[in-house]
Structures are given as structure tokens and as C-alpha cells.
Amino acid sequence: MNKFLINELKLLKDNNYYGSKKQIEREKFIYNISFKDFGLELKYNESIEEFYNRYLKLSLIYNI
């Protein structure tokens, strides 16, 4: 999952990818996994990048 998120963070820098159907589908998938793994939800006014980085930090702490 970490490699998937790192790749997703790289893809988000591309304006053509951000907001695309593929990006939205992957975002929903990541939300589902992050809630299942850590009970994480997107905070008010938190960017997608911040949310993904928060997940990565927790996964490193818990070795997931």
C-alpha cells in the first residue's frame, strides 16, 4: 500500500491526472483502506496529499 500511495502522490502533481476518473476511483479505494487499517478519515480542510502522507507516517510506525 505504501508504494501505491507514493506513486499516487507523484501522479497528483500532474494537472491532467488530478480530478480524473482514475484518480477519483483510487482516492475512494485509499479512503476505504485507510479507514479499515487505522480508522483514518479526511480532516476538514485537509488536502489529499496531507491525508496520504498522514497514512504513510502511521503505516511506518505500525509497520503496515
Protein backbone atom coordinates (compact mmCIF):
# COMPACT_ATOMS: atom_id res chain seq x y z
CA MET A 1 0.00 0.00 0.00
CA ASN A 2 2.86 2.39 0.76
CA LYS A 3 4.29 2.07 -2.75
CA PHE A 4 0.82 2.64 -4.15
CA LEU A 5 0.45 5.85 -2.11
CA ILE A 6 3.90 7.12 -3.04
CA ASN A 7 3.08 6.58 -6.71
CA GLU A 8 -0.27 8.30 -6.23
CA LEU A 9 1.44 11.33 -4.67
CA LYS A 10 3.69 11.58 -7.73
CA LEU A 11 0.71 11.31 -10.08
CA LEU A 12 -1.18 14.06 -8.24
CA LYS A 13 1.42 16.58 -9.38
CA ASP A 14 0.12 16.11 -12.94
CA ASN A 15 -2.79 18.50 -13.54
CA ASN A 16 -4.25 16.13 -16.13
CA TYR A 17 -4.43 13.32 -13.58
CA TYR A 18 -5.80 15.32 -10.64
CA GLY A 19 -9.61 15.07 -10.74
CA SER A 20 -9.66 12.38 -13.42
CA LYS A 21 -11.96 9.39 -13.15
CA LYS A 22 -8.97 7.13 -12.40
CA GLN A 23 -7.74 9.46 -9.64
CA ILE A 24 -11.17 9.65 -8.00
CA GLU A 25 -11.56 5.85 -8.06
CA ARG A 26 -8.12 5.39 -6.48
CA GLU A 27 -8.89 8.06 -3.89
CA LYS A 28 -12.05 6.18 -2.82
CA PHE A 29 -10.05 2.94 -2.61
CA ILE A 30 -7.39 4.61 -0.43
CA TYR A 31 -10.05 6.11 1.87
CA ASN A 32 -11.59 2.67 2.38
CA ILE A 33 -8.24 1.04 3.16
CA SER A 34 -7.09 3.86 5.45
CA PHE A 35 -10.30 3.70 7.48
CA LYS A 36 -10.04 -0.08 7.72
CA ASP A 37 -6.35 -0.02 8.74
CA PHE A 38 -6.25 2.99 11.06
CA GLY A 39 -9.75 4.45 11.35
CA LEU A 40 -8.47 7.49 9.42
CA GLU A 41 -10.80 9.97 7.85
CA LEU A 42 -10.04 13.08 5.87
CA LYS A 43 -9.90 16.08 8.20
CA TYR A 44 -11.74 19.31 7.45
CA ASN A 45 -9.64 21.39 5.00
CA GLU A 46 -7.01 18.63 4.71
CA SER A 47 -5.60 18.15 1.23
CA ILE A 48 -5.40 14.73 -0.37
CA GLU A 49 -1.62 14.94 -0.23
CA GLU A 50 -1.67 15.68 3.52
CA PHE A 51 -4.04 12.77 4.10
CA TYR A 52 -1.86 10.35 2.12
CA ASN A 53 1.26 11.50 3.97
CA ARG A 54 -0.50 11.04 7.32
CA TYR A 55 -1.36 7.46 6.32
CA LEU A 56 2.24 6.81 5.26
CA LYS A 57 3.56 8.06 8.60
CA LEU A 58 1.19 5.82 10.55
CA SER A 59 1.99 2.81 8.38
CA LEU A 60 5.70 3.28 9.09
CA ILE A 61 5.06 3.48 12.83
CA TYR A 62 2.90 0.33 12.83
CA ASN A 63 4.79 -1.48 10.03
CA ILE A 64 1.77 -2.00 7.83
